[in-house]
Amino acid sequence: MGKRRLEDALKQIDHPIEVTYRCYELDPTMGKDVKENMYESLANKYGMSIAQAKANIQNVVNMAKEVGLDYQMDTLILTNTFDAHRLTMYAKTKGLMKEMTERILQAYFTESKHIGDHETLTELAVEIGLDQEEVKSMLASDEMADAVRNDQQTARQYGISSVPFFLINKKYALTGAQPTETFVQALQKVIAEDKLVVLNNQDGLNCDDDGCEIPKK
């Protein structure tokens, strides 16, 4: 949802902006095959009732609808996402990280696919144009594991403990799925600060490839 709102904000900014996705696991200890559903997991983690968990999740579902996302939380499959992150980092080497990230998110939140399963991940990778055998080989190995862990280490250095988290120019941060207008204002502020500010007047000696122009007195 935060990703979609950022994308909507970028459409309103007339300035080249590069977006880089980073890896972060909310619960690295989670297994691949989880018996709990989303509501049970949330209730157990925060000591709330199933009814309270469902109400909280429904709020998220409603907000997602506002930006055109169809979250199917009743059938969402909880799993360890480390291999999914490895796949996105592999896709990055092929220039397809954005496409892979979007496909995995859709598969997880909307299509209730098991994104911890290698066969599922391979199918998703092929859909966006990656080679089936190469992806299978990568997932069967520990390839890209260090790249994922490096991103996670960087997140710890920045003190990141939740998602979504947006870091702009390695200086400004936005946490949570902020409204689109908040992203627009933040980006405009950073762009304005990055613009060159000329502090002197035009009375100095100016030189270019054609020589120097002596100011008139």
N, C-alpha and C. Protein backbone atom coordinates (compact mmCIF):
# COMPACT_ATOMS: atom_id res chain seq x y z
N MET A 1 0.83 -1.20 0.00
CA MET A 1 0.00 0.00 0.00
C MET A 1 0.87 1.26 0.00
N GLY A 2 1.91 1.25 0.82
CA GLY A 2 2.82 2.38 0.82
C GLY A 2 3.52 2.53 -0.51
N LYS A 3 3.84 1.40 -1.13
CA LYS A 3 4.47 1.40 -2.46
C LYS A 3 3.54 2.05 -3.48
N ARG A 4 2.26 1.70 -3.45
CA ARG A 4 1.31 2.25 -4.40
C ARG A 4 1.15 3.76 -4.20
N ARG A 5 1.11 4.20 -2.95
CA ARG A 5 0.96 5.64 -2.69
C ARG A 5 2.20 6.40 -3.14
N LEU A 6 3.37 5.80 -2.97
CA LEU A 6 4.59 6.44 -3.46
C LEU A 6 4.54 6.55 -4.98
N GLU A 7 4.10 5.50 -5.65
CA GLU A 7 4.01 5.52 -7.10
C GLU A 7 3.04 6.59 -7.58
N ASP A 8 1.94 6.76 -6.85
CA ASP A 8 0.98 7.82 -7.21
C ASP A 8 1.61 9.19 -7.03
N ALA A 9 2.44 9.34 -6.01
CA ALA A 9 3.10 10.62 -5.76
C ALA A 9 4.12 10.93 -6.86
N LEU A 10 4.84 9.90 -7.31
CA LEU A 10 5.84 10.11 -8.35
C LEU A 10 5.23 10.62 -9.64
N LYS A 11 3.98 10.25 -9.90
CA LYS A 11 3.30 10.72 -11.10
C LYS A 11 3.04 12.22 -11.05
N GLN A 12 3.07 12.77 -9.84
CA GLN A 12 2.81 14.20 -9.68
C GLN A 12 4.08 15.03 -9.61
N ILE A 13 5.23 14.37 -9.65
CA ILE A 13 6.52 15.06 -9.53
C ILE A 13 7.20 15.12 -10.89
N ASP A 14 7.45 16.31 -11.37
CA ASP A 14 8.14 16.48 -12.65
C ASP A 14 9.64 16.56 -12.41
N HIS A 15 10.20 15.43 -12.02
CA HIS A 15 11.63 15.39 -11.71
C HIS A 15 12.06 13.92 -11.75
N PRO A 16 13.22 13.61 -12.31
CA PRO A 16 13.67 12.21 -12.36
C PRO A 16 13.98 11.68 -10.95
N ILE A 17 13.34 10.60 -10.58
CA ILE A 17 13.53 10.00 -9.26
C ILE A 17 13.75 8.50 -9.43
N GLU A 18 14.81 8.00 -8.85
CA GLU A 18 15.11 6.57 -8.93
C GLU A 18 14.67 5.88 -7.63
N VAL A 19 13.89 4.83 -7.78
CA VAL A 19 13.40 4.07 -6.62
C VAL A 19 14.15 2.74 -6.55
N THR A 20 14.73 2.44 -5.40
CA THR A 20 15.43 1.18 -5.19
C THR A 20 14.75 0.42 -4.05
N TYR A 21 14.42 -0.84 -4.29
CA TYR A 21 13.80 -1.67 -3.26
C TYR A 21 14.88 -2.36 -2.45
N ARG A 22 14.62 -2.48 -1.15
CA ARG A 22 15.55 -3.14 -0.24
C ARG A 22 14.87 -4.28 0.49
N CYS A 23 15.66 -5.22 0.98
CA CYS A 23 15.12 -6.40 1.66
C CYS A 23 14.99 -6.16 3.16
N TYR A 24 13.85 -6.59 3.71
CA TYR A 24 13.63 -6.50 5.15
C TYR A 24 12.60 -7.55 5.56
N GLU A 25 12.92 -8.35 6.57
CA GLU A 25 12.00 -9.35 7.09
C GLU A 25 11.45 -8.89 8.44
N LEU A 26 10.15 -8.85 8.56
CA LEU A 26 9.55 -8.51 9.86
C LEU A 26 9.80 -9.61 10.88
N ASP A 27 9.78 -10.85 10.44
CA ASP A 27 10.00 -11.98 11.36
C ASP A 27 10.87 -13.03 10.68
N PRO A 28 12.21 -12.87 10.80
CA PRO A 28 13.12 -13.82 10.16
C PRO A 28 13.00 -15.23 10.72
N THR A 29 12.41 -15.38 11.92
CA THR A 29 12.32 -16.71 12.55
C THR A 29 11.10 -17.50 12.07
N MET A 30 10.23 -16.89 11.30
CA MET A 30 9.02 -17.58 10.84
C MET A 30 9.37 -18.75 9.93
N GLY A 31 8.66 -19.85 10.08
CA GLY A 31 8.90 -21.02 9.25
C GLY A 31 8.28 -20.86 7.87
N LYS A 32 8.57 -21.82 6.99
CA LYS A 32 8.00 -21.75 5.64
C LYS A 32 6.54 -22.17 5.61
N ASP A 33 6.21 -23.15 6.43
CA ASP A 33 4.84 -23.66 6.46
C ASP A 33 4.21 -23.33 7.81
N VAL A 34 3.40 -22.27 7.81
CA VAL A 34 2.80 -21.76 9.05
C VAL A 34 1.34 -22.20 9.12
N LYS A 35 0.96 -22.79 10.25
CA LYS A 35 -0.40 -23.27 10.41
C LYS A 35 -1.37 -22.15 10.78
N GLU A 36 -0.89 -21.12 11.45
CA GLU A 36 -1.75 -20.02 11.85
C GLU A 36 -2.16 -19.18 10.65
N ASN A 37 -3.35 -18.60 10.71
CA ASN A 37 -3.73 -17.62 9.71
C ASN A 37 -3.33 -16.23 10.21
N MET A 38 -3.58 -15.22 9.41
CA MET A 38 -3.16 -13.87 9.74
C MET A 38 -3.78 -13.39 11.05
N TYR A 39 -5.05 -13.68 11.26
CA TYR A 39 -5.74 -13.21 12.46
C TYR A 39 -5.19 -13.87 13.73
N GLU A 40 -4.96 -15.18 13.65
CA GLU A 40 -4.42 -15.90 14.80
C GLU A 40 -3.01 -15.43 15.13
N SER A 41 -2.22 -15.20 14.10
CA SER A 41 -0.85 -14.74 14.31
C SER A 41 -0.83 -13.36 14.96
N LEU A 42 -1.67 -12.46 14.47
CA LEU A 42 -1.73 -11.11 15.02
C LEU A 42 -2.23 -11.13 16.46
N ALA A 43 -3.24 -11.94 16.74
CA ALA A 43 -3.81 -12.04 18.09
C ALA A 43 -2.77 -12.58 19.07
N ASN A 44 -2.03 -13.60 18.65
CA ASN A 44 -1.01 -14.18 19.54
C ASN A 44 0.16 -13.24 19.76
N LYS A 45 0.53 -12.52 18.73
CA LYS A 45 1.69 -11.62 18.83
C LYS A 45 1.41 -10.44 19.74
N TYR A 46 0.19 -9.88 19.66
CA TYR A 46 -0.11 -8.66 20.41
C TYR A 46 -1.08 -8.87 21.56
N GLY A 47 -1.41 -10.12 21.85
CA GLY A 47 -2.26 -10.41 22.99
C GLY A 47 -3.67 -9.85 22.85
N MET A 48 -4.23 -9.92 21.69
CA MET A 48 -5.59 -9.42 21.45
C MET A 48 -6.50 -10.57 21.05
N SER A 49 -7.78 -10.31 21.00
CA SER A 49 -8.73 -11.33 20.59
C SER A 49 -8.74 -11.47 19.06
N ILE A 50 -9.29 -12.57 18.57
CA ILE A 50 -9.40 -12.78 17.14
C ILE A 50 -10.28 -11.68 16.54
N ALA A 51 -11.34 -11.30 17.26
CA ALA A 51 -12.24 -10.26 16.77
C ALA A 51 -11.50 -8.93 16.62
N GLN A 52 -10.65 -8.61 17.60
CA GLN A 52 -9.87 -7.37 17.51
C GLN A 52 -8.88 -7.44 16.35
N ALA A 53 -8.28 -8.60 16.16
CA ALA A 53 -7.33 -8.77 15.07
C ALA A 53 -8.02 -8.59 13.72
N LYS A 54 -9.21 -9.17 13.59
CA LYS A 54 -9.96 -9.04 12.34
C LYS A 54 -10.35 -7.59 12.08
N ALA A 55 -10.72 -6.87 13.14
CA ALA A 55 -11.09 -5.46 12.98
C ALA A 55 -9.89 -4.64 12.52
N ASN A 56 -8.72 -4.90 13.10
CA ASN A 56 -7.51 -4.18 12.71
C ASN A 56 -7.14 -4.47 11.25
N ILE A 57 -7.23 -5.74 10.88
CA ILE A 57 -6.89 -6.13 9.52
C ILE A 57 -7.88 -5.53 8.53
N GLN A 58 -9.15 -5.46 8.91
CA GLN A 58 -10.16 -4.90 8.02
C GLN A 58 -9.88 -3.44 7.72
N ASN A 59 -9.35 -2.73 8.70
CA ASN A 59 -8.96 -1.33 8.47
C ASN A 59 -7.89 -1.24 7.39
N VAL A 60 -6.94 -2.17 7.43
CA VAL A 60 -5.88 -2.20 6.42
C VAL A 60 -6.47 -2.52 5.05
N VAL A 61 -7.38 -3.49 5.01
CA VAL A 61 -8.03 -3.87 3.76
C VAL A 61 -8.78 -2.68 3.15
N ASN A 62 -9.47 -1.93 4.01
CA ASN A 62 -10.23 -0.77 3.52
C ASN A 62 -9.30 0.30 2.95
N MET A 63 -8.19 0.54 3.63
CA MET A 63 -7.23 1.54 3.14
C MET A 63 -6.61 1.09 1.82
N ALA A 64 -6.37 -0.21 1.70
CA ALA A 64 -5.80 -0.74 0.45
C ALA A 64 -6.75 -0.51 -0.72
N LYS A 65 -8.05 -0.68 -0.46
CA LYS A 65 -9.04 -0.47 -1.52
C LYS A 65 -9.01 0.96 -2.05
N GLU A 66 -8.67 1.90 -1.19
CA GLU A 66 -8.65 3.30 -1.58
C GLU A 66 -7.59 3.58 -2.65
N VAL A 67 -6.56 2.74 -2.72
CA VAL A 67 -5.52 2.93 -3.73
C VAL A 67 -5.57 1.82 -4.79
N GLY A 68 -6.71 1.13 -4.84
CA GLY A 68 -6.91 0.15 -5.91
C GLY A 68 -6.33 -1.23 -5.65
N LEU A 69 -6.05 -1.56 -4.39
CA LEU A 69 -5.49 -2.87 -4.07
C LEU A 69 -6.55 -3.76 -3.43
N ASP A 70 -6.55 -5.02 -3.81
CA ASP A 70 -7.55 -5.97 -3.32
C ASP A 70 -6.88 -6.99 -2.40
N TYR A 71 -6.79 -6.67 -1.12
CA TYR A 71 -6.15 -7.56 -0.16
C TYR A 71 -7.11 -8.67 0.26
N GLN A 72 -6.68 -9.91 0.12
CA GLN A 72 -7.47 -11.08 0.53
C GLN A 72 -6.84 -11.68 1.79
N MET A 73 -7.12 -11.06 2.92
CA MET A 73 -6.45 -11.46 4.16
C MET A 73 -7.01 -12.76 4.75
N ASP A 74 -8.23 -13.12 4.41
CA ASP A 74 -8.81 -14.36 4.94
C ASP A 74 -8.04 -15.59 4.46
N THR A 75 -7.50 -15.50 3.25
CA THR A 75 -6.83 -16.66 2.67
C THR A 75 -5.33 -16.46 2.49
N LEU A 76 -4.78 -15.35 2.99
CA LEU A 76 -3.35 -15.07 2.88
C LEU A 76 -2.55 -16.17 3.58
N ILE A 77 -1.46 -16.58 2.95
CA ILE A 77 -0.62 -17.66 3.49
C ILE A 77 0.64 -17.08 4.11
N LEU A 78 0.74 -17.16 5.42
CA LEU A 78 1.93 -16.69 6.11
C LEU A 78 3.10 -17.64 5.84
N THR A 79 4.28 -17.10 5.67
CA THR A 79 5.46 -17.92 5.39
C THR A 79 6.73 -17.10 5.61
N ASN A 80 7.84 -17.78 5.63
CA ASN A 80 9.14 -17.11 5.67
C ASN A 80 9.42 -16.52 4.28
N THR A 81 9.86 -15.28 4.24
CA THR A 81 10.02 -14.58 2.95
C THR A 81 11.47 -14.45 2.48
N PHE A 82 12.39 -15.13 3.14
CA PHE A 82 13.80 -14.95 2.80
C PHE A 82 14.08 -15.33 1.35
N ASP A 83 13.52 -16.45 0.89
CA ASP A 83 13.76 -16.87 -0.48
C ASP A 83 13.10 -15.93 -1.48
N ALA A 84 11.96 -15.37 -1.11
CA ALA A 84 11.31 -14.38 -1.98
C ALA A 84 12.21 -13.16 -2.12
N HIS A 85 12.85 -12.77 -1.03
CA HIS A 85 13.80 -11.65 -1.10
C HIS A 85 15.00 -12.01 -1.97
N ARG A 86 15.49 -13.24 -1.83
CA ARG A 86 16.61 -13.67 -2.68
C ARG A 86 16.23 -13.57 -4.16
N LEU A 87 14.99 -13.94 -4.45
CA LEU A 87 14.53 -13.89 -5.84
C LEU A 87 14.48 -12.46 -6.36
N THR A 88 14.04 -11.53 -5.53
CA THR A 88 14.01 -10.13 -5.98
C THR A 88 15.42 -9.61 -6.22
N MET A 89 16.37 -10.03 -5.40
CA MET A 89 17.75 -9.58 -5.59
C MET A 89 18.35 -10.21 -6.86
N TYR A 90 17.95 -11.45 -7.14
CA TYR A 90 18.39 -12.07 -8.38
C TYR A 90 17.77 -11.33 -9.58
N ALA A 91 16.49 -11.00 -9.48
CA ALA A 91 15.82 -10.26 -10.55
C ALA A 91 16.49 -8.91 -10.77
N LYS A 92 17.03 -8.34 -9.71
CA LYS A 92 17.72 -7.05 -9.83
C LYS A 92 18.92 -7.18 -10.76
N THR A 93 19.61 -8.30 -10.71
CA THR A 93 20.77 -8.49 -11.59
C THR A 93 20.36 -8.59 -13.05
N LYS A 94 19.07 -8.85 -13.29
CA LYS A 94 18.55 -8.96 -14.65
C LYS A 94 17.75 -7.72 -15.05
N GLY A 95 17.78 -6.70 -14.19
CA GLY A 95 17.05 -5.48 -14.49
C GLY A 95 15.55 -5.60 -14.30
N LEU A 96 15.10 -6.57 -13.50
CA LEU A 96 13.67 -6.82 -13.33
C LEU A 96 13.22 -6.81 -11.87
N MET A 97 13.94 -6.07 -11.04
CA MET A 97 13.59 -6.07 -9.62
C MET A 97 12.21 -5.45 -9.36
N LYS A 98 11.91 -4.37 -10.05
CA LYS A 98 10.61 -3.71 -9.87
C LYS A 98 9.48 -4.66 -10.24
N GLU A 99 9.62 -5.32 -11.37
CA GLU A 99 8.58 -6.25 -11.83
C GLU A 99 8.44 -7.44 -10.90
N MET A 100 9.57 -7.96 -10.41
CA MET A 100 9.53 -9.12 -9.51
C MET A 100 8.90 -8.75 -8.18
N THR A 101 9.25 -7.59 -7.67
CA THR A 101 8.67 -7.13 -6.41
C THR A 101 7.16 -6.98 -6.51
N GLU A 102 6.71 -6.34 -7.57
CA GLU A 102 5.28 -6.14 -7.76
C GLU A 102 4.55 -7.48 -7.90
N ARG A 103 5.15 -8.40 -8.63
CA ARG A 103 4.49 -9.70 -8.85
C ARG A 103 4.38 -10.49 -7.55
N ILE A 104 5.42 -10.46 -6.74
CA ILE A 104 5.39 -11.19 -5.47
C ILE A 104 4.37 -10.58 -4.51
N LEU A 105 4.32 -9.26 -4.45
CA LEU A 105 3.36 -8.60 -3.56
C LEU A 105 1.92 -8.93 -3.96
N GLN A 106 1.66 -8.92 -5.25
CA GLN A 106 0.32 -9.25 -5.72
C GLN A 106 -0.02 -10.71 -5.40
N ALA A 107 0.94 -11.59 -5.62
CA ALA A 107 0.72 -13.00 -5.35
C ALA A 107 0.42 -13.24 -3.87
N TYR A 108 1.10 -12.51 -3.01
CA TYR A 108 0.96 -12.69 -1.57
C TYR A 108 -0.33 -12.10 -1.03
N PHE A 109 -0.57 -10.82 -1.31
CA PHE A 109 -1.69 -10.12 -0.71
C PHE A 109 -3.03 -10.35 -1.41
N THR A 110 -3.00 -10.58 -2.71
CA THR A 110 -4.24 -10.67 -3.48
C THR A 110 -4.58 -12.09 -3.93
N GLU A 111 -3.57 -12.85 -4.33
CA GLU A 111 -3.82 -14.17 -4.91
C GLU A 111 -3.64 -15.32 -3.92
N SER A 112 -3.24 -15.02 -2.70
CA SER A 112 -3.06 -16.05 -1.65
C SER A 112 -2.13 -17.17 -2.09
N LYS A 113 -1.04 -16.81 -2.74
CA LYS A 113 -0.04 -17.80 -3.15
C LYS A 113 1.01 -17.98 -2.05
N HIS A 114 1.61 -19.14 -2.02
CA HIS A 114 2.62 -19.49 -1.01
C HIS A 114 3.98 -19.01 -1.52
N ILE A 115 4.36 -17.81 -1.12
CA ILE A 115 5.60 -17.23 -1.66
C ILE A 115 6.86 -17.72 -0.93
N GLY A 116 6.71 -18.70 -0.05
CA GLY A 116 7.87 -19.35 0.52
C GLY A 116 8.21 -20.63 -0.23
N ASP A 117 7.32 -21.04 -1.10
CA ASP A 117 7.47 -22.27 -1.88
C ASP A 117 8.28 -22.01 -3.15
N HIS A 118 9.30 -22.81 -3.38
CA HIS A 118 10.19 -22.60 -4.53
C HIS A 118 9.48 -22.75 -5.86
N GLU A 119 8.57 -23.68 -5.95
CA GLU A 119 7.84 -23.88 -7.21
C GLU A 119 6.98 -22.66 -7.53
N THR A 120 6.33 -22.13 -6.50
CA THR A 120 5.52 -20.92 -6.69
C THR A 120 6.38 -19.75 -7.12
N LEU A 121 7.50 -19.56 -6.44
CA LEU A 121 8.40 -18.46 -6.77
C LEU A 121 8.93 -18.58 -8.19
N THR A 122 9.23 -19.80 -8.61
CA THR A 122 9.73 -20.02 -9.97
C THR A 122 8.67 -19.64 -10.99
N GLU A 123 7.43 -20.03 -10.73
CA GLU A 123 6.33 -19.69 -11.64
C GLU A 123 6.17 -18.17 -11.76
N LEU A 124 6.26 -17.47 -10.64
CA LEU A 124 6.14 -16.02 -10.65
C LEU A 124 7.29 -15.38 -11.42
N ALA A 125 8.49 -15.93 -11.24
CA ALA A 125 9.67 -15.40 -11.93
C ALA A 125 9.55 -15.56 -13.44
N VAL A 126 9.06 -16.72 -13.88
CA VAL A 126 8.90 -16.97 -15.31
C VAL A 126 7.88 -16.00 -15.90
N GLU A 127 6.85 -15.69 -15.13
CA GLU A 127 5.81 -14.77 -15.61
C GLU A 127 6.37 -13.40 -15.97
N ILE A 128 7.42 -12.96 -15.26
CA ILE A 128 7.95 -11.63 -15.54
C ILE A 128 9.17 -11.68 -16.47
N GLY A 129 9.48 -12.88 -16.98
CA GLY A 129 10.51 -12.97 -18.00
C GLY A 129 11.84 -13.57 -17.58
N LEU A 130 11.94 -14.12 -16.38
CA LEU A 130 13.18 -14.75 -15.94
C LEU A 130 13.24 -16.20 -16.42
N ASP A 131 14.44 -16.72 -16.57
CA ASP A 131 14.64 -18.07 -17.07
C ASP A 131 14.30 -19.10 -15.98
N GLN A 132 13.46 -20.05 -16.32
CA GLN A 132 12.97 -21.03 -15.34
C GLN A 132 14.10 -21.83 -14.70
N GLU A 133 14.98 -22.40 -15.49
CA GLU A 133 16.05 -23.24 -14.97
C GLU A 133 17.04 -22.45 -14.14
N GLU A 134 17.33 -21.24 -14.56
CA GLU A 134 18.25 -20.40 -13.80
C GLU A 134 17.66 -20.05 -12.43
N VAL A 135 16.37 -19.76 -12.40
CA VAL A 135 15.71 -19.44 -11.14
C VAL A 135 15.69 -20.65 -10.22
N LYS A 136 15.37 -21.81 -10.76
CA LYS A 136 15.36 -23.04 -9.97
C LYS A 136 16.73 -23.29 -9.34
N SER A 137 17.76 -23.13 -10.15
CA SER A 137 19.13 -23.34 -9.68
C SER A 137 19.48 -22.34 -8.58
N MET A 138 19.10 -21.09 -8.77
CA MET A 138 19.39 -20.06 -7.78
C MET A 138 18.69 -20.36 -6.45
N LEU A 139 17.42 -20.72 -6.52
CA LEU A 139 16.66 -20.99 -5.29
C LEU A 139 17.18 -22.22 -4.56
N ALA A 140 17.69 -23.20 -5.30
CA ALA A 140 18.21 -24.42 -4.70
C ALA A 140 19.55 -24.20 -4.01
N SER A 141 20.19 -23.08 -4.31
CA SER A 141 21.48 -22.75 -3.71
C SER A 141 21.28 -21.69 -2.63
N ASP A 142 22.39 -21.12 -2.18
CA ASP A 142 22.29 -19.99 -1.24
C ASP A 142 22.65 -18.68 -1.93
N GLU A 143 22.56 -18.68 -3.25
CA GLU A 143 22.87 -17.49 -4.04
C GLU A 143 21.98 -16.32 -3.62
N MET A 144 22.53 -15.15 -3.58
CA MET A 144 21.87 -13.89 -3.23
C MET A 144 21.55 -13.76 -1.73
N ALA A 145 21.90 -14.78 -0.95
CA ALA A 145 21.63 -14.71 0.49
C ALA A 145 22.42 -13.57 1.13
N ASP A 146 23.67 -13.42 0.74
CA ASP A 146 24.49 -12.35 1.31
C ASP A 146 23.94 -10.97 0.94
N ALA A 147 23.41 -10.84 -0.27
CA ALA A 147 22.84 -9.56 -0.70
C ALA A 147 21.64 -9.20 0.17
N VAL A 148 20.81 -10.19 0.48
CA VAL A 148 19.66 -9.95 1.35
C VAL A 148 20.12 -9.56 2.75
N ARG A 149 21.08 -10.28 3.27
CA ARG A 149 21.56 -10.01 4.63
C ARG A 149 22.25 -8.65 4.70
N ASN A 150 22.91 -8.24 3.65
CA ASN A 150 23.54 -6.92 3.63
C ASN A 150 22.49 -5.82 3.73
N ASP A 151 21.38 -5.98 3.02
CA ASP A 151 20.29 -5.01 3.12
C ASP A 151 19.72 -4.98 4.53
N GLN A 152 19.58 -6.14 5.12
CA GLN A 152 19.03 -6.21 6.47
C GLN A 152 19.98 -5.57 7.49
N GLN A 153 21.27 -5.74 7.27
CA GLN A 153 22.26 -5.11 8.14
C GLN A 153 22.20 -3.60 8.01
N THR A 154 22.05 -3.12 6.79
CA THR A 154 21.92 -1.68 6.57
C THR A 154 20.69 -1.14 7.28
N ALA A 155 19.60 -1.90 7.24
CA ALA A 155 18.37 -1.49 7.92
C ALA A 155 18.60 -1.36 9.42
N ARG A 156 19.34 -2.30 9.99
CA ARG A 156 19.64 -2.23 11.43
C ARG A 156 20.48 -1.00 11.75
N GLN A 157 21.41 -0.67 10.87
CA GLN A 157 22.25 0.51 11.08
C GLN A 157 21.43 1.79 11.07
N TYR A 158 20.38 1.81 10.27
CA TYR A 158 19.50 2.97 10.22
C TYR A 158 18.45 2.95 11.34
N GLY A 159 18.40 1.86 12.09
CA GLY A 159 17.42 1.76 13.17
C GLY A 159 16.02 1.43 12.69
N ILE A 160 15.91 0.84 11.51
CA ILE A 160 14.60 0.49 10.95
C ILE A 160 14.04 -0.73 11.66
N SER A 161 12.78 -0.64 12.10
CA SER A 161 12.15 -1.76 12.81
C SER A 161 10.75 -2.05 12.31
N SER A 162 10.33 -1.38 11.26
CA SER A 162 8.98 -1.60 10.73
C SER A 162 8.97 -1.32 9.23
N VAL A 163 7.92 -1.79 8.59
CA VAL A 163 7.73 -1.52 7.16
C VAL A 163 6.31 -1.03 6.93
N PRO A 164 6.08 -0.23 5.89
CA PRO A 164 7.09 0.25 4.94
C PRO A 164 7.93 1.38 5.53
N PHE A 165 9.13 1.50 5.03
CA PHE A 165 10.06 2.55 5.47
C PHE A 165 10.69 3.13 4.21
N PHE A 166 10.64 4.43 4.07
CA PHE A 166 11.14 5.10 2.87
C PHE A 166 12.29 6.03 3.26
N LEU A 167 13.44 5.80 2.66
CA LEU A 167 14.63 6.62 2.92
C LEU A 167 14.93 7.42 1.66
N ILE A 168 14.94 8.73 1.78
CA ILE A 168 15.14 9.61 0.63
C ILE A 168 16.51 10.27 0.71
N ASN A 169 17.32 10.03 -0.31
CA ASN A 169 18.68 10.61 -0.36
C ASN A 169 19.53 10.26 0.85
N LYS A 170 19.24 9.11 1.48
CA LYS A 170 19.97 8.64 2.66
C LYS A 170 19.96 9.66 3.79
N LYS A 171 18.93 10.51 3.79
CA LYS A 171 18.89 11.61 4.76
C LYS A 171 17.52 11.78 5.39
N TYR A 172 16.46 11.67 4.61
CA TYR A 172 15.10 11.88 5.11
C TYR A 172 14.35 10.55 5.11
N ALA A 173 13.53 10.35 6.13
CA ALA A 173 12.80 9.10 6.25
C ALA A 173 11.31 9.34 6.43
N LEU A 174 10.53 8.46 5.83
CA LEU A 174 9.08 8.42 6.05
C LEU A 174 8.74 7.00 6.46
N THR A 175 7.96 6.84 7.53
CA THR A 175 7.58 5.52 7.99
C THR A 175 6.09 5.31 7.81
N GLY A 176 5.73 4.09 7.47
CA GLY A 176 4.32 3.77 7.31
C GLY A 176 3.79 4.14 5.93
N ALA A 177 2.58 3.66 5.65
CA ALA A 177 1.94 3.94 4.36
C ALA A 177 1.31 5.33 4.40
N GLN A 178 2.15 6.33 4.26
CA GLN A 178 1.72 7.72 4.36
C GLN A 178 0.77 8.08 3.20
N PRO A 179 -0.08 9.10 3.41
CA PRO A 179 -0.92 9.58 2.30
C PRO A 179 -0.06 10.04 1.12
N THR A 180 -0.62 9.95 -0.06
CA THR A 180 0.12 10.34 -1.27
C THR A 180 0.64 11.76 -1.17
N GLU A 181 -0.17 12.67 -0.63
CA GLU A 181 0.23 14.06 -0.53
C GLU A 181 1.46 14.24 0.36
N THR A 182 1.59 13.40 1.37
CA THR A 182 2.77 13.47 2.24
C THR A 182 4.03 13.12 1.46
N PHE A 183 3.93 12.11 0.60
CA PHE A 183 5.07 11.76 -0.25
C PHE A 183 5.39 12.91 -1.21
N VAL A 184 4.37 13.50 -1.79
CA VAL A 184 4.58 14.61 -2.73
C VAL A 184 5.31 15.76 -2.03
N GLN A 185 4.85 16.15 -0.86
CA GLN A 185 5.46 17.26 -0.13
C GLN A 185 6.89 16.95 0.26
N ALA A 186 7.14 15.72 0.70
CA ALA A 186 8.50 15.34 1.10
C ALA A 186 9.45 15.37 -0.08
N LEU A 187 9.01 14.82 -1.21
CA LEU A 187 9.87 14.80 -2.40
C LEU A 187 10.12 16.21 -2.93
N GLN A 188 9.10 17.04 -2.92
CA GLN A 188 9.29 18.43 -3.36
C GLN A 188 10.27 19.17 -2.47
N LYS A 189 10.23 18.90 -1.18
CA LYS A 189 11.15 19.53 -0.24
C LYS A 189 12.59 19.12 -0.52
N VAL A 190 12.80 17.82 -0.74
CA VAL A 190 14.15 17.32 -1.02
C VAL A 190 14.66 17.87 -2.34
N ILE A 191 13.81 17.89 -3.36
CA ILE A 191 14.21 18.41 -4.67
C ILE A 191 14.59 19.88 -4.57
N ALA A 192 13.81 20.65 -3.82
CA ALA A 192 14.10 22.08 -3.65
C ALA A 192 15.43 22.30 -2.95
N GLU A 193 15.72 21.47 -1.97
CA GLU A 193 16.97 21.62 -1.22
C GLU A 193 18.18 21.22 -2.07
N ASP A 194 17.95 20.33 -3.03
CA ASP A 194 19.06 19.86 -3.87
C ASP A 194 19.41 20.83 -5.00
N LYS A 195 18.51 21.78 -5.25
CA LYS A 195 18.77 22.73 -6.33
C LYS A 195 19.94 23.64 -5.98
N LEU A 196 20.71 23.99 -7.00
CA LEU A 196 21.86 24.86 -6.82
C LEU A 196 21.40 26.27 -6.48
N VAL A 197 21.93 26.82 -5.41
CA VAL A 197 21.60 28.19 -5.02
C VAL A 197 22.81 29.08 -5.29
N VAL A 198 22.65 30.09 -6.15
CA VAL A 198 23.73 31.02 -6.48
C VAL A 198 23.74 32.14 -5.45
N LEU A 199 24.84 32.26 -4.72
CA LEU A 199 24.91 33.21 -3.62
C LEU A 199 25.50 34.56 -4.03
N ASN A 200 26.21 34.60 -5.16
CA ASN A 200 26.83 35.86 -5.56
C ASN A 200 26.03 36.51 -6.69
N ASN A 201 26.38 37.75 -7.03
CA ASN A 201 25.73 38.41 -8.17
C ASN A 201 26.54 38.11 -9.44
N GLN A 202 26.23 38.78 -10.52
CA GLN A 202 26.85 38.49 -11.81
C GLN A 202 28.06 39.38 -12.10
N ASP A 203 28.64 40.03 -11.09
CA ASP A 203 29.74 40.97 -11.32
C ASP A 203 31.11 40.31 -11.30
N GLY A 204 31.19 39.01 -11.09
CA GLY A 204 32.48 38.35 -11.02
C GLY A 204 32.97 37.91 -12.39
N LEU A 205 34.20 37.42 -12.44
CA LEU A 205 34.79 36.93 -13.68
C LEU A 205 34.19 35.57 -14.02
N ASN A 206 33.59 35.44 -15.19
CA ASN A 206 32.97 34.19 -15.62
C ASN A 206 33.75 33.58 -16.76
N CYS A 207 34.11 32.30 -16.64
CA CYS A 207 34.87 31.62 -17.68
C CYS A 207 34.15 30.36 -18.13
N ASP A 208 34.24 30.10 -19.45
CA ASP A 208 33.72 28.84 -19.98
C ASP A 208 34.69 28.34 -21.05
N ASP A 209 34.27 27.42 -21.87
CA ASP A 209 35.17 26.84 -22.87
C ASP A 209 35.65 27.86 -23.90
N ASP A 210 34.91 28.94 -24.05
CA ASP A 210 35.26 29.96 -25.04
C ASP A 210 36.15 31.06 -24.48
N GLY A 211 36.48 30.98 -23.22
CA GLY A 211 37.32 32.01 -22.62
C GLY A 211 36.64 32.65 -21.43
N CYS A 212 37.14 33.80 -21.04
CA CYS A 212 36.63 34.49 -19.86
C CYS A 212 36.01 35.83 -20.23
N GLU A 213 34.93 36.14 -19.56
CA GLU A 213 34.26 37.42 -19.78
C GLU A 213 34.52 38.34 -18.61
N ILE A 214 35.14 39.47 -18.91
CA ILE A 214 35.46 40.44 -17.86
C ILE A 214 34.22 41.30 -17.61
N PRO A 215 33.73 41.36 -16.39
CA PRO A 215 32.53 42.18 -16.12
C PRO A 215 32.75 43.65 -16.42
N LYS A 216 31.71 44.27 -16.92
CA LYS A 216 31.77 45.69 -17.22
C LYS A 216 31.62 46.51 -15.96
N LYS A 217 32.38 47.57 -15.88
CA LYS A 217 32.31 48.46 -14.71
C LYS A 217 31.49 49.67 -15.03
